[in-house]
Amino acid sequence: MTLNDLANVGQIIGAVAVVISLIYVALQIRQNTNAVRSATAQTVHEHFAKWYHLVAPDDNLSQIVANGSLSEKE
């Protein structure tokens, strides 16, 4: 094997390594995106739950919110 052949093999190995690393990065980005979406949804649900817990003890305010929710659906 000549030095030129070894250089070509090295370039092929390097190219394969780059492709593998790009696939790995793509998978990591997808996983991170899913985690961020899940965390955002969880935060939104927590905020709504806190809001409903603040509204629930007051009968008048609960009635106003219920009427407002019904009028939006109509």
PDB file of N, CA and C in Angstrom:
ATOM      1  N   MET A   1       0.840  -1.177   0.000  1.00  0.00           N
ATOM      2  CA  MET A   1       0.000   0.000   0.000  1.00  0.00           C
ATOM      3  C   MET A   1       0.887   1.242   0.000  1.00  0.00           C
ATOM      4  N   THR A   2       0.550   2.140  -0.865  1.00  0.00           N
ATOM      5  CA  THR A   2       1.347   3.363  -0.954  1.00  0.00           C
ATOM      6  C   THR A   2       0.799   4.394   0.025  1.00  0.00           C
ATOM      7  N   LEU A   3       1.555   5.431   0.148  1.00  0.00           N
ATOM      8  CA  LEU A   3       1.153   6.525   1.028  1.00  0.00           C
ATOM      9  C   LEU A   3      -0.130   7.185   0.513  1.00  0.00           C
ATOM     10  N   ASN A   4      -0.276   7.257  -0.781  1.00  0.00           N
ATOM     11  CA  ASN A   4      -1.476   7.828  -1.390  1.00  0.00           C
ATOM     12  C   ASN A   4      -2.707   6.981  -1.066  1.00  0.00           C
ATOM     13  N   ASP A   5      -2.559   5.659  -1.099  1.00  0.00           N
ATOM     14  CA  ASP A   5      -3.668   4.769  -0.752  1.00  0.00           C
ATOM     15  C   ASP A   5      -4.084   4.951   0.709  1.00  0.00           C
ATOM     16  N   LEU A   6      -3.109   5.084   1.586  1.00  0.00           N
ATOM     17  CA  LEU A   6      -3.402   5.303   3.005  1.00  0.00           C
ATOM     18  C   LEU A   6      -4.129   6.629   3.218  1.00  0.00           C
ATOM     19  N   ALA A   7      -3.738   7.640   2.468  1.00  0.00           N
ATOM     20  CA  ALA A   7      -4.405   8.939   2.573  1.00  0.00           C
ATOM     21  C   ALA A   7      -5.858   8.835   2.124  1.00  0.00           C
ATOM     22  N   ASN A   8      -6.093   8.087   1.059  1.00  0.00           N
ATOM     23  CA  ASN A   8      -7.466   7.897   0.581  1.00  0.00           C
ATOM     24  C   ASN A   8      -8.321   7.151   1.601  1.00  0.00           C
ATOM     25  N   VAL A   9      -7.759   6.119   2.214  1.00  0.00           N
ATOM     26  CA  VAL A   9      -8.478   5.375   3.251  1.00  0.00           C
ATOM     27  C   VAL A   9      -8.783   6.295   4.431  1.00  0.00           C
ATOM     28  N   GLY A  10      -7.830   7.118   4.788  1.00  0.00           N
ATOM     29  CA  GLY A  10      -8.042   8.071   5.884  1.00  0.00           C
ATOM     30  C   GLY A  10      -9.155   9.055   5.575  1.00  0.00           C
ATOM     31  N   GLN A  11      -9.221   9.501   4.333  1.00  0.00           N
ATOM     32  CA  GLN A  11     -10.288  10.425   3.949  1.00  0.00           C
ATOM     33  C   GLN A  11     -11.650   9.742   3.995  1.00  0.00           C
ATOM     34  N   ILE A  12     -11.709   8.495   3.584  1.00  0.00           N
ATOM     35  CA  ILE A  12     -12.976   7.760   3.636  1.00  0.00           C
ATOM     36  C   ILE A  12     -13.421   7.577   5.083  1.00  0.00           C
ATOM     37  N   ILE A  13     -12.491   7.197   5.931  1.00  0.00           N
ATOM     38  CA  ILE A  13     -12.812   7.023   7.351  1.00  0.00           C
ATOM     39  C   ILE A  13     -13.271   8.345   7.952  1.00  0.00           C
ATOM     40  N   GLY A  14     -12.604   9.426   7.600  1.00  0.00           N
ATOM     41  CA  GLY A  14     -12.998  10.745   8.099  1.00  0.00           C
ATOM     42  C   GLY A  14     -14.388  11.145   7.633  1.00  0.00           C
ATOM     43  N   ALA A  15     -14.693  10.868   6.371  1.00  0.00           N
ATOM     44  CA  ALA A  15     -16.016  11.207   5.836  1.00  0.00           C
ATOM     45  C   ALA A  15     -17.107  10.409   6.532  1.00  0.00           C
ATOM     46  N   VAL A  16     -16.852   9.130   6.768  1.00  0.00           N
ATOM     47  CA  VAL A  16     -17.829   8.292   7.472  1.00  0.00           C
ATOM     48  C   VAL A  16     -18.022   8.805   8.897  1.00  0.00           C
ATOM     49  N   ALA A  17     -16.951   9.192   9.543  1.00  0.00           N
ATOM     50  CA  ALA A  17     -17.046   9.719  10.908  1.00  0.00           C
ATOM     51  C   ALA A  17     -17.864  11.008  10.939  1.00  0.00           C
ATOM     52  N   VAL A  18     -17.695  11.861   9.947  1.00  0.00           N
ATOM     53  CA  VAL A  18     -18.469  13.105   9.884  1.00  0.00           C
ATOM     54  C   VAL A  18     -19.951  12.802   9.709  1.00  0.00           C
ATOM     55  N   VAL A  19     -20.284  11.865   8.837  1.00  0.00           N
ATOM     56  CA  VAL A  19     -21.690  11.503   8.622  1.00  0.00           C
ATOM     57  C   VAL A  19     -22.293  10.938   9.905  1.00  0.00           C
ATOM     58  N   ILE A  20     -21.562  10.073  10.578  1.00  0.00           N
ATOM     59  CA  ILE A  20     -22.052   9.497  11.835  1.00  0.00           C
ATOM     60  C   ILE A  20     -22.260  10.586  12.880  1.00  0.00           C
ATOM     61  N   SER A  21     -21.328  11.520  12.971  1.00  0.00           N
ATOM     62  CA  SER A  21     -21.475  12.591  13.957  1.00  0.00           C
ATOM     63  C   SER A  21     -22.656  13.500  13.614  1.00  0.00           C
ATOM     64  N   LEU A  22     -22.928  13.736  12.337  1.00  0.00           N
ATOM     65  CA  LEU A  22     -24.082  14.546  11.949  1.00  0.00           C
ATOM     66  C   LEU A  22     -25.390  13.846  12.302  1.00  0.00           C
ATOM     67  N   ILE A  23     -25.432  12.545  12.109  1.00  0.00           N
ATOM     68  CA  ILE A  23     -26.624  11.782  12.493  1.00  0.00           C
ATOM     69  C   ILE A  23     -26.831  11.855  14.002  1.00  0.00           C
ATOM     70  N   TYR A  24     -25.752  11.727  14.754  1.00  0.00           N
ATOM     71  CA  TYR A  24     -25.832  11.813  16.212  1.00  0.00           C
ATOM     72  C   TYR A  24     -26.341  13.186  16.650  1.00  0.00           C
ATOM     73  N   VAL A  25     -25.823  14.241  16.049  1.00  0.00           N
ATOM     74  CA  VAL A  25     -26.259  15.596  16.396  1.00  0.00           C
ATOM     75  C   VAL A  25     -27.738  15.782  16.061  1.00  0.00           C
ATOM     76  N   ALA A  26     -28.175  15.263  14.926  1.00  0.00           N
ATOM     77  CA  ALA A  26     -29.588  15.377  14.553  1.00  0.00           C
ATOM     78  C   ALA A  26     -30.481  14.676  15.573  1.00  0.00           C
ATOM     79  N   LEU A  27     -30.066  13.509  16.026  1.00  0.00           N
ATOM     80  CA  LEU A  27     -30.847  12.787  17.032  1.00  0.00           C
ATOM     81  C   LEU A  27     -30.886  13.545  18.358  1.00  0.00           C
ATOM     82  N   GLN A  28     -29.772  14.134  18.735  1.00  0.00           N
ATOM     83  CA  GLN A  28     -29.720  14.909  19.971  1.00  0.00           C
ATOM     84  C   GLN A  28     -30.606  16.150  19.888  1.00  0.00           C
ATOM     85  N   ILE A  29     -30.608  16.804  18.740  1.00  0.00           N
ATOM     86  CA  ILE A  29     -31.453  17.987  18.560  1.00  0.00           C
ATOM     87  C   ILE A  29     -32.922  17.592  18.646  1.00  0.00           C
ATOM     88  N   ARG A  30     -33.290  16.476  18.035  1.00  0.00           N
ATOM     89  CA  ARG A  30     -34.682  16.012  18.097  1.00  0.00           C
ATOM     90  C   ARG A  30     -35.081  15.710  19.535  1.00  0.00           C
ATOM     91  N   GLN A  31     -34.203  15.037  20.268  1.00  0.00           N
ATOM     92  CA  GLN A  31     -34.500  14.700  21.655  1.00  0.00           C
ATOM     93  C   GLN A  31     -34.640  15.969  22.497  1.00  0.00           C
ATOM     94  N   ASN A  32     -33.768  16.941  22.282  1.00  0.00           N
ATOM     95  CA  ASN A  32     -33.831  18.190  23.028  1.00  0.00           C
ATOM     96  C   ASN A  32     -35.104  18.960  22.693  1.00  0.00           C
ATOM     97  N   THR A  33     -35.484  18.982  21.429  1.00  0.00           N
ATOM     98  CA  THR A  33     -36.709  19.669  21.024  1.00  0.00           C
ATOM     99  C   THR A  33     -37.924  19.057  21.707  1.00  0.00           C
ATOM    100  N   ASN A  34     -37.987  17.746  21.752  1.00  0.00           N
ATOM    101  CA  ASN A  34     -39.100  17.072  22.429  1.00  0.00           C
ATOM    102  C   ASN A  34     -39.116  17.382  23.920  1.00  0.00           C
ATOM    103  N   ALA A  35     -37.947  17.432  24.534  1.00  0.00           N
ATOM    104  CA  ALA A  35     -37.870  17.738  25.959  1.00  0.00           C
ATOM    105  C   ALA A  35     -38.328  19.168  26.239  1.00  0.00           C
ATOM    106  N   VAL A  36     -37.929  20.105  25.391  1.00  0.00           N
ATOM    107  CA  VAL A  36     -38.334  21.502  25.577  1.00  0.00           C
ATOM    108  C   VAL A  36     -39.840  21.651  25.380  1.00  0.00           C
ATOM    109  N   ARG A  37     -40.399  20.995  24.376  1.00  0.00           N
ATOM    110  CA  ARG A  37     -41.851  21.051  24.162  1.00  0.00           C
ATOM    111  C   ARG A  37     -42.600  20.483  25.362  1.00  0.00           C
ATOM    112  N   SER A  38     -42.114  19.378  25.881  1.00  0.00           N
ATOM    113  CA  SER A  38     -42.758  18.754  27.030  1.00  0.00           C
ATOM    114  C   SER A  38     -42.691  19.660  28.257  1.00  0.00           C
ATOM    115  N   ALA A  39     -41.540  20.265  28.493  1.00  0.00           N
ATOM    116  CA  ALA A  39     -41.384  21.164  29.635  1.00  0.00           C
ATOM    117  C   ALA A  39     -42.279  22.390  29.491  1.00  0.00           C
ATOM    118  N   THR A  40     -42.396  22.913  28.285  1.00  0.00           N
ATOM    119  CA  THR A  40     -43.257  24.070  28.047  1.00  0.00           C
ATOM    120  C   THR A  40     -44.717  23.719  28.298  1.00  0.00           C
ATOM    121  N   ALA A  41     -45.147  22.573  27.804  1.00  0.00           N
ATOM    122  CA  ALA A  41     -46.529  22.137  28.033  1.00  0.00           C
ATOM    123  C   ALA A  41     -46.794  21.945  29.521  1.00  0.00           C
ATOM    124  N   GLN A  42     -45.844  21.381  30.223  1.00  0.00           N
ATOM    125  CA  GLN A  42     -45.999  21.177  31.664  1.00  0.00           C
ATOM    126  C   GLN A  42     -46.135  22.511  32.385  1.00  0.00           C
ATOM    127  N   THR A  43     -45.340  23.496  32.009  1.00  0.00           N
ATOM    128  CA  THR A  43     -45.405  24.818  32.625  1.00  0.00           C
ATOM    129  C   THR A  43     -46.756  25.476  32.363  1.00  0.00           C
ATOM    130  N   VAL A  44     -47.248  25.360  31.141  1.00  0.00           N
ATOM    131  CA  VAL A  44     -48.559  25.934  30.808  1.00  0.00           C
ATOM    132  C   VAL A  44     -49.648  25.280  31.651  1.00  0.00           C
ATOM    133  N   HIS A  45     -49.605  23.969  31.772  1.00  0.00           N
ATOM    134  CA  HIS A  45     -50.610  23.269  32.578  1.00  0.00           C
ATOM    135  C   HIS A  45     -50.528  23.684  34.045  1.00  0.00           C
ATOM    136  N   GLU A  46     -49.325  23.862  34.558  1.00  0.00           N
ATOM    137  CA  GLU A  46     -49.165  24.294  35.949  1.00  0.00           C
ATOM    138  C   GLU A  46     -49.741  25.688  36.154  1.00  0.00           C
ATOM    139  N   HIS A  47     -49.519  26.592  35.202  1.00  0.00           N
ATOM    140  CA  HIS A  47     -50.054  27.949  35.318  1.00  0.00           C
ATOM    141  C   HIS A  47     -51.581  27.944  35.293  1.00  0.00           C
ATOM    142  N   PHE A  48     -52.167  27.139  34.403  1.00  0.00           N
ATOM    143  CA  PHE A  48     -53.628  27.043  34.378  1.00  0.00           C
ATOM    144  C   PHE A  48     -54.159  26.455  35.683  1.00  0.00           C
ATOM    145  N   ALA A  49     -53.485  25.457  36.211  1.00  0.00           N
ATOM    146  CA  ALA A  49     -53.930  24.849  37.467  1.00  0.00           C
ATOM    147  C   ALA A  49     -53.872  25.863  38.606  1.00  0.00           C
ATOM    148  N   LYS A  50     -52.797  26.646  38.679  1.00  0.00           N
ATOM    149  CA  LYS A  50     -52.695  27.680  39.717  1.00  0.00           C
ATOM    150  C   LYS A  50     -53.802  28.710  39.558  1.00  0.00           C
ATOM    151  N   TRP A  51     -54.076  29.088  38.312  1.00  0.00           N
ATOM    152  CA  TRP A  51     -55.112  30.086  38.062  1.00  0.00           C
ATOM    153  C   TRP A  51     -56.475  29.562  38.510  1.00  0.00           C
ATOM    154  N   TYR A  52     -56.781  28.311  38.164  1.00  0.00           N
ATOM    155  CA  TYR A  52     -58.060  27.731  38.570  1.00  0.00           C
ATOM    156  C   TYR A  52     -58.152  27.580  40.087  1.00  0.00           C
ATOM    157  N   HIS A  53     -57.042  27.293  40.739  1.00  0.00           N
ATOM    158  CA  HIS A  53     -57.060  27.197  42.199  1.00  0.00           C
ATOM    159  C   HIS A  53     -57.274  28.563  42.843  1.00  0.00           C
ATOM    160  N   LEU A  54     -56.834  29.620  42.183  1.00  0.00           N
ATOM    161  CA  LEU A  54     -57.087  30.963  42.706  1.00  0.00           C
ATOM    162  C   LEU A  54     -58.544  31.372  42.493  1.00  0.00           C
ATOM    163  N   VAL A  55     -59.127  30.952  41.389  1.00  0.00           N
ATOM    164  CA  VAL A  55     -60.499  31.329  41.051  1.00  0.00           C
ATOM    165  C   VAL A  55     -61.515  30.497  41.832  1.00  0.00           C
ATOM    166  N   ALA A  56     -61.228  29.244  42.056  1.00  0.00           N
ATOM    167  CA  ALA A  56     -62.199  28.304  42.623  1.00  0.00           C
ATOM    168  C   ALA A  56     -62.771  28.716  43.988  1.00  0.00           C
ATOM    169  N   PRO A  57     -62.004  29.231  44.925  1.00  0.00           N
ATOM    170  CA  PRO A  57     -62.582  29.544  46.244  1.00  0.00           C
ATOM    171  C   PRO A  57     -63.619  30.675  46.227  1.00  0.00           C
ATOM    172  N   ASP A  58     -63.554  31.565  45.267  1.00  0.00           N
ATOM    173  CA  ASP A  58     -64.478  32.697  45.204  1.00  0.00           C
ATOM    174  C   ASP A  58     -65.658  32.338  44.295  1.00  0.00           C
ATOM    175  N   ASP A  59     -66.848  32.201  44.900  1.00  0.00           N
ATOM    176  CA  ASP A  59     -68.027  31.776  44.134  1.00  0.00           C
ATOM    177  C   ASP A  59     -68.385  32.766  43.032  1.00  0.00           C
ATOM    178  N   ASN A  60     -68.336  34.052  43.341  1.00  0.00           N
ATOM    179  CA  ASN A  60     -68.696  35.055  42.334  1.00  0.00           C
ATOM    180  C   ASN A  60     -67.718  35.031  41.163  1.00  0.00           C
ATOM    181  N   LEU A  61     -66.451  34.981  41.481  1.00  0.00           N
ATOM    182  CA  LEU A  61     -65.437  34.954  40.428  1.00  0.00           C
ATOM    183  C   LEU A  61     -65.536  33.668  39.605  1.00  0.00           C
ATOM    184  N   SER A  62     -65.822  32.566  40.268  1.00  0.00           N
ATOM    185  CA  SER A  62     -65.996  31.295  39.549  1.00  0.00           C
ATOM    186  C   SER A  62     -67.160  31.377  38.572  1.00  0.00           C
ATOM    187  N   GLN A  63     -68.241  32.015  39.002  1.00  0.00           N
ATOM    188  CA  GLN A  63     -69.407  32.161  38.128  1.00  0.00           C
ATOM    189  C   GLN A  63     -69.082  33.056  36.933  1.00  0.00           C
ATOM    190  N   ILE A  64     -68.338  34.119  37.165  1.00  0.00           N
ATOM    191  CA  ILE A  64     -67.943  35.013  36.067  1.00  0.00           C
ATOM    192  C   ILE A  64     -67.077  34.267  35.059  1.00  0.00           C
ATOM    193  N   VAL A  65     -66.127  33.500  35.555  1.00  0.00           N
ATOM    194  CA  VAL A  65     -65.243  32.737  34.666  1.00  0.00           C
ATOM    195  C   VAL A  65     -66.045  31.698  33.891  1.00  0.00           C
ATOM    196  N   ALA A  66     -66.967  31.023  34.571  1.00  0.00           N
ATOM    197  CA  ALA A  66     -67.786  30.010  33.898  1.00  0.00           C
ATOM    198  C   ALA A  66     -68.647  30.646  32.814  1.00  0.00           C
ATOM    199  N   ASN A  67     -69.249  31.777  33.111  1.00  0.00           N
ATOM    200  CA  ASN A  67     -70.068  32.467  32.104  1.00  0.00           C
ATOM    201  C   ASN A  67     -69.213  32.952  30.940  1.00  0.00           C
ATOM    202  N   GLY A  68     -68.035  33.449  31.248  1.00  0.00           N
ATOM    203  CA  GLY A  68     -67.133  33.908  30.189  1.00  0.00           C
ATOM    204  C   GLY A  68     -66.670  32.766  29.307  1.00  0.00           C
ATOM    205  N   SER A  69     -66.432  31.614  29.899  1.00  0.00           N
ATOM    206  CA  SER A  69     -66.013  30.451  29.113  1.00  0.00           C
ATOM    207  C   SER A  69     -67.132  29.970  28.206  1.00  0.00           C
ATOM    208  N   LEU A  70     -68.346  30.011  28.703  1.00  0.00           N
ATOM    209  CA  LEU A  70     -69.484  29.579  27.890  1.00  0.00           C
ATOM    210  C   LEU A  70     -69.734  30.526  26.724  1.00  0.00           C
ATOM    211  N   SER A  71     -69.583  31.824  26.979  1.00  0.00           N
ATOM    212  CA  SER A  71     -69.866  32.782  25.910  1.00  0.00           C
ATOM    213  C   SER A  71     -68.826  32.708  24.796  1.00  0.00           C
ATOM    214  N   GLU A  72     -67.611  32.285  25.094  1.00  0.00           N
ATOM    215  CA  GLU A  72     -66.581  32.144  24.060  1.00  0.00           C
ATOM    216  C   GLU A  72     -66.890  30.977  23.131  1.00  0.00           C
ATOM    217  N   LYS A  73     -67.514  29.945  23.645  1.00  0.00           N
ATOM    218  CA  LYS A  73     -67.793  28.751  22.844  1.00  0.00           C
ATOM    219  C   LYS A  73     -68.972  28.960  21.901  1.00  0.00           C
ATOM    220  N   GLU A  74     -69.825  29.896  22.208  1.00  0.00           N
ATOM    221  CA  GLU A  74     -71.028  30.116  21.394  1.00  0.00           C
ATOM    222  C   GLU A  74     -70.737  30.846  20.121  1.00  0.00           C
TER     223      GLU A  74
END
